[in-house]
Amino acid sequence: MTDPTVSAKAEGAMRTIGEVSAELGVKPHILRYWEAQFDTITPLKRAGGRRYYRAEDVETLRTINRLLNQEGFTVRGARQLLASKTGPAVVETPKAPVQPTPPLDVAALRAIRDRLAAALEAA
């Protein structure tokens, strides 16, 4: 069952804590807790402390809800995952070029095999 007030708003419209709570199926105090735990959630707060979530905040909250309630992440694990996705790009150090392997000398390999076989027979 969907909340008619949520579906009546445009996709990019700001949402109240009640609307987001109803959409995600979590209590408002959980959303306030997530705000304290995840720095990326920054709703606008109007007079009286009323919260208005931007579209990107709602998307982040959807992701947090999925990570915590469906995928079984801890708050710390979800925080680390989100930080790795939104943080600065990791710059890889260039690796040394791979040296091509020389072609196999079949005769030399057979000689090694024969010496090993002879050593095993002598033992």
PDB file of N, CA and C in Angstrom:
ATOM      1  N   MET A   1       0.853  -1.181   0.000  1.00  0.00           N
ATOM      2  CA  MET A   1       0.000   0.000   0.000  1.00  0.00           C
ATOM      3  C   MET A   1       0.888   1.229   0.000  1.00  0.00           C
ATOM      4  N   THR A   2       0.696   2.113  -0.951  1.00  0.00           N
ATOM      5  CA  THR A   2       1.512   3.324  -1.035  1.00  0.00           C
ATOM      6  C   THR A   2       0.747   4.512  -0.498  1.00  0.00           C
ATOM      7  N   ASP A   3       1.498   5.448   0.026  1.00  0.00           N
ATOM      8  CA  ASP A   3       0.927   6.669   0.582  1.00  0.00           C
ATOM      9  C   ASP A   3       0.567   7.601  -0.571  1.00  0.00           C
ATOM     10  N   PRO A   4      -0.692   8.037  -0.692  1.00  0.00           N
ATOM     11  CA  PRO A   4      -1.082   8.887  -1.810  1.00  0.00           C
ATOM     12  C   PRO A   4      -0.377  10.232  -1.812  1.00  0.00           C
ATOM     13  N   THR A   5       0.044  10.748  -0.636  1.00  0.00           N
ATOM     14  CA  THR A   5       0.723  12.037  -0.616  1.00  0.00           C
ATOM     15  C   THR A   5       2.103  11.935  -1.230  1.00  0.00           C
ATOM     16  N   VAL A   6       2.738  10.766  -1.110  1.00  0.00           N
ATOM     17  CA  VAL A   6       4.069  10.591  -1.676  1.00  0.00           C
ATOM     18  C   VAL A   6       3.971  10.517  -3.193  1.00  0.00           C
ATOM     19  N   SER A   7       3.028   9.752  -3.714  1.00  0.00           N
ATOM     20  CA  SER A   7       2.925   9.594  -5.157  1.00  0.00           C
ATOM     21  C   SER A   7       2.404  10.858  -5.839  1.00  0.00           C
ATOM     22  N   ALA A   8       1.698  11.747  -5.090  1.00  0.00           N
ATOM     23  CA  ALA A   8       1.164  12.960  -5.683  1.00  0.00           C
ATOM     24  C   ALA A   8       2.248  14.011  -5.909  1.00  0.00           C
ATOM     25  N   LYS A   9       3.383  13.898  -5.225  1.00  0.00           N
ATOM     26  CA  LYS A   9       4.463  14.875  -5.369  1.00  0.00           C
ATOM     27  C   LYS A   9       5.320  14.546  -6.576  1.00  0.00           C
ATOM     28  N   ALA A  10       5.917  15.591  -7.120  1.00  0.00           N
ATOM     29  CA  ALA A  10       6.840  15.401  -8.234  1.00  0.00           C
ATOM     30  C   ALA A  10       8.079  14.659  -7.742  1.00  0.00           C
ATOM     31  N   GLU A  11       8.775  14.029  -8.665  1.00  0.00           N
ATOM     32  CA  GLU A  11       9.940  13.207  -8.315  1.00  0.00           C
ATOM     33  C   GLU A  11      11.005  13.984  -7.537  1.00  0.00           C
ATOM     34  N   GLY A  12      11.289  15.212  -7.911  1.00  0.00           N
ATOM     35  CA  GLY A  12      12.341  15.987  -7.256  1.00  0.00           C
ATOM     36  C   GLY A  12      11.863  16.821  -6.080  1.00  0.00           C
ATOM     37  N   ALA A  13      10.584  16.732  -5.718  1.00  0.00           N
ATOM     38  CA  ALA A  13      10.036  17.562  -4.648  1.00  0.00           C
ATOM     39  C   ALA A  13      10.604  17.153  -3.288  1.00  0.00           C
ATOM     40  N   MET A  14      10.676  18.131  -2.397  1.00  0.00           N
ATOM     41  CA  MET A  14      11.158  17.850  -1.052  1.00  0.00           C
ATOM     42  C   MET A  14      10.084  17.086  -0.283  1.00  0.00           C
ATOM     43  N   ARG A  15      10.533  16.214   0.597  1.00  0.00           N
ATOM     44  CA  ARG A  15       9.616  15.355   1.348  1.00  0.00           C
ATOM     45  C   ARG A  15       9.792  15.595   2.853  1.00  0.00           C
ATOM     46  N   THR A  16       8.703  15.461   3.571  1.00  0.00           N
ATOM     47  CA  THR A  16       8.760  15.589   5.025  1.00  0.00           C
ATOM     48  C   THR A  16       9.234  14.266   5.610  1.00  0.00           C
ATOM     49  N   ILE A  17       9.585  14.296   6.879  1.00  0.00           N
ATOM     50  CA  ILE A  17      10.036  13.081   7.539  1.00  0.00           C
ATOM     51  C   ILE A  17       8.920  12.032   7.578  1.00  0.00           C
ATOM     52  N   GLY A  18       7.678  12.480   7.698  1.00  0.00           N
ATOM     53  CA  GLY A  18       6.547  11.549   7.691  1.00  0.00           C
ATOM     54  C   GLY A  18       6.386  10.857   6.351  1.00  0.00           C
ATOM     55  N   GLU A  19       6.571  11.602   5.277  1.00  0.00           N
ATOM     56  CA  GLU A  19       6.450  11.025   3.935  1.00  0.00           C
ATOM     57  C   GLU A  19       7.558  10.000   3.672  1.00  0.00           C
ATOM     58  N   VAL A  20       8.782  10.353   4.052  1.00  0.00           N
ATOM     59  CA  VAL A  20       9.904   9.432   3.842  1.00  0.00           C
ATOM     60  C   VAL A  20       9.742   8.204   4.739  1.00  0.00           C
ATOM     61  N   SER A  21       9.296   8.436   5.956  1.00  0.00           N
ATOM     62  CA  SER A  21       9.059   7.341   6.884  1.00  0.00           C
ATOM     63  C   SER A  21       8.042   6.353   6.316  1.00  0.00           C
ATOM     64  N   ALA A  22       6.954   6.874   5.773  1.00  0.00           N
ATOM     65  CA  ALA A  22       5.914   6.015   5.192  1.00  0.00           C
ATOM     66  C   ALA A  22       6.430   5.276   3.960  1.00  0.00           C
ATOM     67  N   GLU A  23       7.199   5.963   3.136  1.00  0.00           N
ATOM     68  CA  GLU A  23       7.727   5.340   1.918  1.00  0.00           C
ATOM     69  C   GLU A  23       8.672   4.191   2.232  1.00  0.00           C
ATOM     70  N   LEU A  24       9.555   4.398   3.218  1.00  0.00           N
ATOM     71  CA  LEU A  24      10.560   3.387   3.537  1.00  0.00           C
ATOM     72  C   LEU A  24      10.061   2.339   4.530  1.00  0.00           C
ATOM     73  N   GLY A  25       8.970   2.647   5.219  1.00  0.00           N
ATOM     74  CA  GLY A  25       8.446   1.705   6.202  1.00  0.00           C
ATOM     75  C   GLY A  25       9.256   1.670   7.488  1.00  0.00           C
ATOM     76  N   VAL A  26       9.879   2.805   7.837  1.00  0.00           N
ATOM     77  CA  VAL A  26      10.619   2.901   9.101  1.00  0.00           C
ATOM     78  C   VAL A  26      10.061   4.075   9.895  1.00  0.00           C
ATOM     79  N   LYS A  27      10.227   4.022  11.190  1.00  0.00           N
ATOM     80  CA  LYS A  27       9.713   5.082  12.062  1.00  0.00           C
ATOM     81  C   LYS A  27      10.552   6.356  11.906  1.00  0.00           C
ATOM     82  N   PRO A  28       9.945   7.523  12.124  1.00  0.00           N
ATOM     83  CA  PRO A  28      10.689   8.782  12.006  1.00  0.00           C
ATOM     84  C   PRO A  28      11.916   8.857  12.904  1.00  0.00           C
ATOM     85  N   HIS A  29      11.865   8.260  14.093  1.00  0.00           N
ATOM     86  CA  HIS A  29      13.035   8.346  14.972  1.00  0.00           C
ATOM     87  C   HIS A  29      14.227   7.571  14.384  1.00  0.00           C
ATOM     88  N   ILE A  30      13.952   6.572  13.567  1.00  0.00           N
ATOM     89  CA  ILE A  30      15.028   5.840  12.893  1.00  0.00           C
ATOM     90  C   ILE A  30      15.690   6.750  11.858  1.00  0.00           C
ATOM     91  N   LEU A  31      14.889   7.507  11.126  1.00  0.00           N
ATOM     92  CA  LEU A  31      15.448   8.442  10.149  1.00  0.00           C
ATOM     93  C   LEU A  31      16.314   9.494  10.840  1.00  0.00           C
ATOM     94  N   ARG A  32      15.855   9.985  11.996  1.00  0.00           N
ATOM     95  CA  ARG A  32      16.651  10.968  12.735  1.00  0.00           C
ATOM     96  C   ARG A  32      17.967  10.344  13.220  1.00  0.00           C
ATOM     97  N   TYR A  33      17.915   9.064  13.634  1.00  0.00           N
ATOM     98  CA  TYR A  33      19.128   8.352  14.048  1.00  0.00           C
ATOM     99  C   TYR A  33      20.094   8.220  12.865  1.00  0.00           C
ATOM    100  N   TRP A  34      19.564   7.858  11.699  1.00  0.00           N
ATOM    101  CA  TRP A  34      20.416   7.722  10.521  1.00  0.00           C
ATOM    102  C   TRP A  34      21.066   9.053  10.168  1.00  0.00           C
ATOM    103  N   GLU A  35      20.346  10.163  10.356  1.00  0.00           N
ATOM    104  CA  GLU A  35      20.929  11.489  10.113  1.00  0.00           C
ATOM    105  C   GLU A  35      22.162  11.706  10.981  1.00  0.00           C
ATOM    106  N   ALA A  36      22.076  11.249  12.238  1.00  0.00           N
ATOM    107  CA  ALA A  36      23.199  11.413  13.156  1.00  0.00           C
ATOM    108  C   ALA A  36      24.359  10.495  12.783  1.00  0.00           C
ATOM    109  N   GLN A  37      24.077   9.364  12.181  1.00  0.00           N
ATOM    110  CA  GLN A  37      25.109   8.382  11.870  1.00  0.00           C
ATOM    111  C   GLN A  37      25.745   8.563  10.495  1.00  0.00           C
ATOM    112  N   PHE A  38      25.026   9.155   9.567  1.00  0.00           N
ATOM    113  CA  PHE A  38      25.505   9.309   8.199  1.00  0.00           C
ATOM    114  C   PHE A  38      25.577  10.789   7.848  1.00  0.00           C
ATOM    115  N   ASP A  39      26.792  11.276   7.633  1.00  0.00           N
ATOM    116  CA  ASP A  39      26.997  12.703   7.355  1.00  0.00           C
ATOM    117  C   ASP A  39      26.398  13.148   6.028  1.00  0.00           C
ATOM    118  N   THR A  40      26.124  12.224   5.138  1.00  0.00           N
ATOM    119  CA  THR A  40      25.629  12.594   3.813  1.00  0.00           C
ATOM    120  C   THR A  40      24.154  12.987   3.821  1.00  0.00           C
ATOM    121  N   ILE A  41      23.455  12.731   4.907  1.00  0.00           N
ATOM    122  CA  ILE A  41      22.038  13.091   4.993  1.00  0.00           C
ATOM    123  C   ILE A  41      21.938  14.455   5.671  1.00  0.00           C
ATOM    124  N   THR A  42      21.506  15.444   4.897  1.00  0.00           N
ATOM    125  CA  THR A  42      21.416  16.805   5.435  1.00  0.00           C
ATOM    126  C   THR A  42      20.098  17.447   5.021  1.00  0.00           C
ATOM    127  N   PRO A  43      19.012  17.114   5.712  1.00  0.00           N
ATOM    128  CA  PRO A  43      17.736  17.727   5.343  1.00  0.00           C
ATOM    129  C   PRO A  43      17.714  19.205   5.723  1.00  0.00           C
ATOM    130  N   LEU A  44      16.888  19.947   5.015  1.00  0.00           N
ATOM    131  CA  LEU A  44      16.656  21.341   5.403  1.00  0.00           C
ATOM    132  C   LEU A  44      15.794  21.324   6.656  1.00  0.00           C
ATOM    133  N   LYS A  45      16.102  22.204   7.582  1.00  0.00           N
ATOM    134  CA  LYS A  45      15.290  22.299   8.796  1.00  0.00           C
ATOM    135  C   LYS A  45      14.686  23.687   8.835  1.00  0.00           C
ATOM    136  N   ARG A  46      13.389  23.727   8.845  1.00  0.00           N
ATOM    137  CA  ARG A  46      12.665  24.997   8.887  1.00  0.00           C
ATOM    138  C   ARG A  46      12.313  25.344  10.326  1.00  0.00           C
ATOM    139  N   ALA A  47      11.614  26.441  10.487  1.00  0.00           N
ATOM    140  CA  ALA A  47      11.203  26.880  11.815  1.00  0.00           C
ATOM    141  C   ALA A  47      10.477  25.751  12.532  1.00  0.00           C
ATOM    142  N   GLY A  48      10.783  25.588  13.791  1.00  0.00           N
ATOM    143  CA  GLY A  48      10.160  24.525  14.561  1.00  0.00           C
ATOM    144  C   GLY A  48      10.857  23.190  14.377  1.00  0.00           C
ATOM    145  N   GLY A  49      11.949  23.168  13.602  1.00  0.00           N
ATOM    146  CA  GLY A  49      12.712  21.941  13.417  1.00  0.00           C
ATOM    147  C   GLY A  49      12.134  20.970  12.405  1.00  0.00           C
ATOM    148  N   ARG A  50      11.159  21.399  11.629  1.00  0.00           N
ATOM    149  CA  ARG A  50      10.555  20.511  10.633  1.00  0.00           C
ATOM    150  C   ARG A  50      11.552  20.214   9.528  1.00  0.00           C
ATOM    151  N   ARG A  51      11.718  18.922   9.225  1.00  0.00           N
ATOM    152  CA  ARG A  51      12.707  18.479   8.246  1.00  0.00           C
ATOM    153  C   ARG A  51      12.087  18.353   6.865  1.00  0.00           C
ATOM    154  N   TYR A  52      12.861  18.765   5.876  1.00  0.00           N
ATOM    155  CA  TYR A  52      12.482  18.576   4.475  1.00  0.00           C
ATOM    156  C   TYR A  52      13.666  17.905   3.764  1.00  0.00           C
ATOM    157  N   TYR A  53      13.413  16.716   3.276  1.00  0.00           N
ATOM    158  CA  TYR A  53      14.462  15.940   2.624  1.00  0.00           C
ATOM    159  C   TYR A  53      14.492  16.216   1.130  1.00  0.00           C
ATOM    160  N   ARG A  54      15.684  16.480   0.616  1.00  0.00           N
ATOM    161  CA  ARG A  54      15.889  16.649  -0.819  1.00  0.00           C
ATOM    162  C   ARG A  54      15.847  15.281  -1.481  1.00  0.00           C
ATOM    163  N   ALA A  55      15.720  15.264  -2.800  1.00  0.00           N
ATOM    164  CA  ALA A  55      15.666  14.002  -3.542  1.00  0.00           C
ATOM    165  C   ALA A  55      16.915  13.164  -3.297  1.00  0.00           C
ATOM    166  N   GLU A  56      18.092  13.798  -3.257  1.00  0.00           N
ATOM    167  CA  GLU A  56      19.326  13.026  -3.020  1.00  0.00           C
ATOM    168  C   GLU A  56      19.381  12.459  -1.611  1.00  0.00           C
ATOM    169  N   ASP A  57      18.783  13.178  -0.618  1.00  0.00           N
ATOM    170  CA  ASP A  57      18.699  12.644   0.739  1.00  0.00           C
ATOM    171  C   ASP A  57      17.806  11.409   0.772  1.00  0.00           C
ATOM    172  N   VAL A  58      16.676  11.480   0.070  1.00  0.00           N
ATOM    173  CA  VAL A  58      15.742  10.351   0.038  1.00  0.00           C
ATOM    174  C   VAL A  58      16.411   9.146  -0.622  1.00  0.00           C
ATOM    175  N   GLU A  59      17.164   9.375  -1.684  1.00  0.00           N
ATOM    176  CA  GLU A  59      17.868   8.277  -2.351  1.00  0.00           C
ATOM    177  C   GLU A  59      18.908   7.657  -1.424  1.00  0.00           C
ATOM    178  N   THR A  60      19.624   8.487  -0.694  1.00  0.00           N
ATOM    179  CA  THR A  60      20.601   7.975   0.274  1.00  0.00           C
ATOM    180  C   THR A  60      19.908   7.172   1.359  1.00  0.00           C
ATOM    181  N   LEU A  61      18.767   7.666   1.831  1.00  0.00           N
ATOM    182  CA  LEU A  61      18.018   6.938   2.859  1.00  0.00           C
ATOM    183  C   LEU A  61      17.504   5.604   2.327  1.00  0.00           C
ATOM    184  N   ARG A  62      17.096   5.557   1.068  1.00  0.00           N
ATOM    185  CA  ARG A  62      16.681   4.285   0.466  1.00  0.00           C
ATOM    186  C   ARG A  62      17.840   3.295   0.468  1.00  0.00           C
ATOM    187  N   THR A  63      19.013   3.789   0.101  1.00  0.00           N
ATOM    188  CA  THR A  63      20.198   2.936   0.072  1.00  0.00           C
ATOM    189  C   THR A  63      20.542   2.439   1.470  1.00  0.00           C
ATOM    190  N   ILE A  64      20.515   3.325   2.446  1.00  0.00           N
ATOM    191  CA  ILE A  64      20.807   2.939   3.831  1.00  0.00           C
ATOM    192  C   ILE A  64      19.800   1.908   4.308  1.00  0.00           C
ATOM    193  N   ASN A  65      18.528   2.140   4.020  1.00  0.00           N
ATOM    194  CA  ASN A  65      17.484   1.196   4.416  1.00  0.00           C
ATOM    195  C   ASN A  65      17.736  -0.186   3.802  1.00  0.00           C
ATOM    196  N   ARG A  66      18.090  -0.211   2.525  1.00  0.00           N
ATOM    197  CA  ARG A  66      18.372  -1.490   1.847  1.00  0.00           C
ATOM    198  C   ARG A  66      19.577  -2.182   2.476  1.00  0.00           C
ATOM    199  N   LEU A  67      20.653  -1.416   2.706  1.00  0.00           N
ATOM    200  CA  LEU A  67      21.854  -2.005   3.282  1.00  0.00           C
ATOM    201  C   LEU A  67      21.609  -2.572   4.674  1.00  0.00           C
ATOM    202  N   LEU A  68      20.901  -1.814   5.500  1.00  0.00           N
ATOM    203  CA  LEU A  68      20.694  -2.241   6.887  1.00  0.00           C
ATOM    204  C   LEU A  68      19.609  -3.300   7.025  1.00  0.00           C
ATOM    205  N   ASN A  69      18.489  -3.115   6.350  1.00  0.00           N
ATOM    206  CA  ASN A  69      17.331  -3.973   6.590  1.00  0.00           C
ATOM    207  C   ASN A  69      17.165  -5.128   5.618  1.00  0.00           C
ATOM    208  N   GLN A  70      17.831  -5.085   4.474  1.00  0.00           N
ATOM    209  CA  GLN A  70      17.711  -6.182   3.520  1.00  0.00           C
ATOM    210  C   GLN A  70      19.020  -6.938   3.352  1.00  0.00           C
ATOM    211  N   GLU A  71      20.133  -6.218   3.319  1.00  0.00           N
ATOM    212  CA  GLU A  71      21.413  -6.871   3.066  1.00  0.00           C
ATOM    213  C   GLU A  71      22.177  -7.209   4.337  1.00  0.00           C
ATOM    214  N   GLY A  72      21.687  -6.761   5.492  1.00  0.00           N
ATOM    215  CA  GLY A  72      22.276  -7.156   6.764  1.00  0.00           C
ATOM    216  C   GLY A  72      23.545  -6.431   7.181  1.00  0.00           C
ATOM    217  N   PHE A  73      23.811  -5.267   6.605  1.00  0.00           N
ATOM    218  CA  PHE A  73      24.979  -4.498   7.008  1.00  0.00           C
ATOM    219  C   PHE A  73      24.771  -3.930   8.406  1.00  0.00           C
ATOM    220  N   THR A  74      25.875  -3.692   9.113  1.00  0.00           N
ATOM    221  CA  THR A  74      25.812  -2.918  10.346  1.00  0.00           C
ATOM    222  C   THR A  74      25.833  -1.447   9.951  1.00  0.00           C
ATOM    223  N   VAL A  75      25.525  -0.565  10.895  1.00  0.00           N
ATOM    224  CA  VAL A  75      25.573   0.872  10.606  1.00  0.00           C
ATOM    225  C   VAL A  75      26.989   1.251  10.199  1.00  0.00           C
ATOM    226  N   ARG A  76      27.964   0.722  10.914  1.00  0.00           N
ATOM    227  CA  ARG A  76      29.357   1.032  10.593  1.00  0.00           C
ATOM    228  C   ARG A  76      29.724   0.535   9.190  1.00  0.00           C
ATOM    229  N   GLY A  77      29.322  -0.667   8.858  1.00  0.00           N
ATOM    230  CA  GLY A  77      29.615  -1.216   7.540  1.00  0.00           C
ATOM    231  C   GLY A  77      28.941  -0.416   6.429  1.00  0.00           C
ATOM    232  N   ALA A  78      27.695  -0.029   6.651  1.00  0.00           N
ATOM    233  CA  ALA A  78      26.979   0.774   5.653  1.00  0.00           C
ATOM    234  C   ALA A  78      27.643   2.136   5.493  1.00  0.00           C
ATOM    235  N   ARG A  79      28.073   2.717   6.616  1.00  0.00           N
ATOM    236  CA  ARG A  79      28.751   4.015   6.573  1.00  0.00           C
ATOM    237  C   ARG A  79      30.041   3.908   5.758  1.00  0.00           C
ATOM    238  N   GLN A  80      30.803   2.848   5.988  1.00  0.00           N
ATOM    239  CA  GLN A  80      32.054   2.656   5.247  1.00  0.00           C
ATOM    240  C   GLN A  80      31.789   2.443   3.762  1.00  0.00           C
ATOM    241  N   LEU A  81      30.765   1.662   3.444  1.00  0.00           N
ATOM    242  CA  LEU A  81      30.448   1.414   2.040  1.00  0.00           C
ATOM    243  C   LEU A  81      30.041   2.706   1.340  1.00  0.00           C
ATOM    244  N   LEU A  82      29.185   3.484   1.976  1.00  0.00           N
ATOM    245  CA  LEU A  82      28.759   4.747   1.377  1.00  0.00           C
ATOM    246  C   LEU A  82      29.926   5.723   1.243  1.00  0.00           C
ATOM    247  N   ALA A  83      30.807   5.751   2.229  1.00  0.00           N
ATOM    248  CA  ALA A  83      31.964   6.647   2.159  1.00  0.00           C
ATOM    249  C   ALA A  83      32.887   6.244   1.018  1.00  0.00           C
ATOM    250  N   SER A  84      33.016   4.954   0.778  1.00  0.00           N
ATOM    251  CA  SER A  84      33.895   4.512  -0.306  1.00  0.00           C
ATOM    252  C   SER A  84      33.297   4.831  -1.667  1.00  0.00           C
ATOM    253  N   LYS A  85      31.983   4.882  -1.752  1.00  0.00           N
ATOM    254  CA  LYS A  85      31.342   5.190  -3.031  1.00  0.00           C
ATOM    255  C   LYS A  85      31.283   6.678  -3.309  1.00  0.00           C
ATOM    256  N   THR A  86      31.168   7.498  -2.258  1.00  0.00           N
ATOM    257  CA  THR A  86      31.028   8.932  -2.468  1.00  0.00           C
ATOM    258  C   THR A  86      32.304   9.694  -2.178  1.00  0.00           C
ATOM    259  N   GLY A  87      33.323   8.997  -1.653  1.00  0.00           N
ATOM    260  CA  GLY A  87      34.574   9.650  -1.302  1.00  0.00           C
ATOM    261  C   GLY A  87      35.401   9.957  -2.527  1.00  0.00           C
ATOM    262  N   PRO A  88      36.592  10.508  -2.296  1.00  0.00           N
ATOM    263  CA  PRO A  88      37.466  10.820  -3.420  1.00  0.00           C
ATOM    264  C   PRO A  88      37.878   9.546  -4.144  1.00  0.00           C
ATOM    265  N   ALA A  89      38.055   9.668  -5.420  1.00  0.00           N
ATOM    266  CA  ALA A  89      38.433   8.507  -6.216  1.00  0.00           C
ATOM    267  C   ALA A  89      39.806   8.014  -5.790  1.00  0.00           C
ATOM    268  N   VAL A  90      39.940   6.724  -5.731  1.00  0.00           N
ATOM    269  CA  VAL A  90      41.210   6.122  -5.362  1.00  0.00           C
ATOM    270  C   VAL A  90      42.117   6.154  -6.590  1.00  0.00           C
ATOM    271  N   VAL A  91      43.303   6.713  -6.410  1.00  0.00           N
ATOM    272  CA  VAL A  91      44.256   6.792  -7.506  1.00  0.00           C
ATOM    273  C   VAL A  91      45.192   5.603  -7.388  1.00  0.00           C
ATOM    274  N   GLU A  92      45.217   4.780  -8.408  1.00  0.00           N
ATOM    275  CA  GLU A  92      46.086   3.619  -8.390  1.00  0.00           C
ATOM    276  C   GLU A  92      47.469   4.019  -8.881  1.00  0.00           C
ATOM    277  N   THR A  93      48.478   3.469  -8.220  1.00  0.00           N
ATOM    278  CA  THR A  93      49.834   3.705  -8.691  1.00  0.00           C
ATOM    279  C   THR A  93      50.070   2.818  -9.897  1.00  0.00           C
ATOM    280  N   PRO A  94      50.747   3.340 -10.889  1.00  0.00           N
ATOM    281  CA  PRO A  94      50.966   2.514 -12.071  1.00  0.00           C
ATOM    282  C   PRO A  94      51.844   1.318 -11.723  1.00  0.00           C
ATOM    283  N   LYS A  95      51.490   0.188 -12.261  1.00  0.00           N
ATOM    284  CA  LYS A  95      52.248  -1.030 -12.018  1.00  0.00           C
ATOM    285  C   LYS A  95      53.363  -1.136 -13.044  1.00  0.00           C
ATOM    286  N   ALA A  96      54.408  -1.853 -12.645  1.00  0.00           N
ATOM    287  CA  ALA A  96      55.507  -2.080 -13.568  1.00  0.00           C
ATOM    288  C   ALA A  96      54.996  -2.898 -14.746  1.00  0.00           C
ATOM    289  N   PRO A  97      55.475  -2.595 -15.929  1.00  0.00           N
ATOM    290  CA  PRO A  97      54.999  -3.369 -17.080  1.00  0.00           C
ATOM    291  C   PRO A  97      55.384  -4.839 -16.933  1.00  0.00           C
ATOM    292  N   VAL A  98      54.518  -5.690 -17.365  1.00  0.00           N
ATOM    293  CA  VAL A  98      54.745  -7.122 -17.282  1.00  0.00           C
ATOM    294  C   VAL A  98      55.733  -7.517 -18.371  1.00  0.00           C
ATOM    295  N   GLN A  99      56.780  -8.206 -17.923  1.00  0.00           N
ATOM    296  CA  GLN A  99      57.780  -8.670 -18.883  1.00  0.00           C
ATOM    297  C   GLN A  99      57.254  -9.916 -19.589  1.00  0.00           C
ATOM    298  N   PRO A 100      57.382  -9.963 -20.894  1.00  0.00           N
ATOM    299  CA  PRO A 100      56.916 -11.164 -21.591  1.00  0.00           C
ATOM    300  C   PRO A 100      57.796 -12.352 -21.227  1.00  0.00           C
ATOM    301  N   THR A 101      57.170 -13.486 -21.069  1.00  0.00           N
ATOM    302  CA  THR A 101      57.932 -14.681 -20.737  1.00  0.00           C
ATOM    303  C   THR A 101      58.607 -15.203 -21.988  1.00  0.00           C
ATOM    304  N   PRO A 102      59.836 -15.648 -21.828  1.00  0.00           N
ATOM    305  CA  PRO A 102      60.519 -16.169 -23.011  1.00  0.00           C
ATOM    306  C   PRO A 102      59.860 -17.470 -23.464  1.00  0.00           C
ATOM    307  N   PRO A 103      60.005 -17.814 -24.713  1.00  0.00           N
ATOM    308  CA  PRO A 103      59.415 -19.058 -25.186  1.00  0.00           C
ATOM    309  C   PRO A 103      60.054 -20.253 -24.478  1.00  0.00           C
ATOM    310  N   LEU A 104      59.257 -21.272 -24.272  1.00  0.00           N
ATOM    311  CA  LEU A 104      59.739 -22.461 -23.574  1.00  0.00           C
ATOM    312  C   LEU A 104      60.742 -23.222 -24.439  1.00  0.00           C
ATOM    313  N   ASP A 105      61.798 -23.644 -23.788  1.00  0.00           N
ATOM    314  CA  ASP A 105      62.790 -24.486 -24.456  1.00  0.00           C
ATOM    315  C   ASP A 105      62.443 -25.924 -24.075  1.00  0.00           C
ATOM    316  N   VAL A 106      61.756 -26.607 -24.963  1.00  0.00           N
ATOM    317  CA  VAL A 106      61.253 -27.943 -24.679  1.00  0.00           C
ATOM    318  C   VAL A 106      62.404 -28.910 -24.408  1.00  0.00           C
ATOM    319  N   ALA A 107      63.464 -28.772 -25.119  1.00  0.00           N
ATOM    320  CA  ALA A 107      64.602 -29.676 -24.923  1.00  0.00           C
ATOM    321  C   ALA A 107      65.178 -29.519 -23.518  1.00  0.00           C
ATOM    322  N   ALA A 108      65.273 -28.250 -23.044  1.00  0.00           N
ATOM    323  CA  ALA A 108      65.810 -28.019 -21.708  1.00  0.00           C
ATOM    324  C   ALA A 108      64.867 -28.596 -20.653  1.00  0.00           C
ATOM    325  N   LEU A 109      63.560 -28.447 -20.862  1.00  0.00           N
ATOM    326  CA  LEU A 109      62.589 -29.006 -19.918  1.00  0.00           C
ATOM    327  C   LEU A 109      62.676 -30.528 -19.876  1.00  0.00           C
ATOM    328  N   ARG A 110      62.853 -31.171 -21.019  1.00  0.00           N
ATOM    329  CA  ARG A 110      62.970 -32.629 -21.045  1.00  0.00           C
ATOM    330  C   ARG A 110      64.235 -33.081 -20.313  1.00  0.00           C
ATOM    331  N   ALA A 111      65.298 -32.305 -20.455  1.00  0.00           N
ATOM    332  CA  ALA A 111      66.541 -32.655 -19.765  1.00  0.00           C
ATOM    333  C   ALA A 111      66.355 -32.573 -18.257  1.00  0.00           C
ATOM    334  N   ILE A 112      65.653 -31.540 -17.803  1.00  0.00           N
ATOM    335  CA  ILE A 112      65.370 -31.397 -16.367  1.00  0.00           C
ATOM    336  C   ILE A 112      64.520 -32.569 -15.891  1.00  0.00           C
ATOM    337  N   ARG A 113      63.505 -32.927 -16.665  1.00  0.00           N
ATOM    338  CA  ARG A 113      62.637 -34.043 -16.300  1.00  0.00           C
ATOM    339  C   ARG A 113      63.446 -35.339 -16.171  1.00  0.00           C
ATOM    340  N   ASP A 114      64.304 -35.561 -17.129  1.00  0.00           N
ATOM    341  CA  ASP A 114      65.102 -36.787 -17.106  1.00  0.00           C
ATOM    342  C   ASP A 114      66.036 -36.827 -15.910  1.00  0.00           C
ATOM    343  N   ARG A 115      66.642 -35.687 -15.562  1.00  0.00           N
ATOM    344  CA  ARG A 115      67.517 -35.656 -14.392  1.00  0.00           C
ATOM    345  C   ARG A 115      66.741 -35.911 -13.109  1.00  0.00           C
ATOM    346  N   LEU A 116      65.526 -35.341 -13.008  1.00  0.00           N
ATOM    347  CA  LEU A 116      64.686 -35.576 -11.834  1.00  0.00           C
ATOM    348  C   LEU A 116      64.282 -37.054 -11.733  1.00  0.00           C
ATOM    349  N   ALA A 117      63.938 -37.648 -12.860  1.00  0.00           N
ATOM    350  CA  ALA A 117      63.544 -39.062 -12.870  1.00  0.00           C
ATOM    351  C   ALA A 117      64.720 -39.928 -12.444  1.00  0.00           C
ATOM    352  N   ALA A 118      65.912 -39.605 -12.923  1.00  0.00           N
ATOM    353  CA  ALA A 118      67.104 -40.384 -12.556  1.00  0.00           C
ATOM    354  C   ALA A 118      67.407 -40.228 -11.076  1.00  0.00           C
ATOM    355  N   ALA A 119      67.240 -39.001 -10.544  1.00  0.00           N
ATOM    356  CA  ALA A 119      67.494 -38.768  -9.121  1.00  0.00           C
ATOM    357  C   ALA A 119      66.509 -39.540  -8.262  1.00  0.00           C
ATOM    358  N   LEU A 120      65.253 -39.607  -8.696  1.00  0.00           N
ATOM    359  CA  LEU A 120      64.247 -40.344  -7.928  1.00  0.00           C
ATOM    360  C   LEU A 120      64.525 -41.847  -7.954  1.00  0.00           C
ATOM    361  N   GLU A 121      64.991 -42.360  -9.090  1.00  0.00           N
ATOM    362  CA  GLU A 121      65.300 -43.789  -9.179  1.00  0.00           C
ATOM    363  C   GLU A 121      66.494 -44.138  -8.304  1.00  0.00           C
ATOM    364  N   ALA A 122      67.454 -43.228  -8.198  1.00  0.00           N
ATOM    365  CA  ALA A 122      68.645 -43.491  -7.405  1.00  0.00           C
ATOM    366  C   ALA A 122      68.329 -43.453  -5.910  1.00  0.00           C
ATOM    367  N   ALA A 123      67.297 -42.774  -5.536  1.00  0.00           N
ATOM    368  CA  ALA A 123      66.982 -42.620  -4.110  1.00  0.00           C
ATOM    369  C   ALA A 123      66.333 -43.832  -3.514  1.00  0.00           C
TER     370      ALA A 123
END
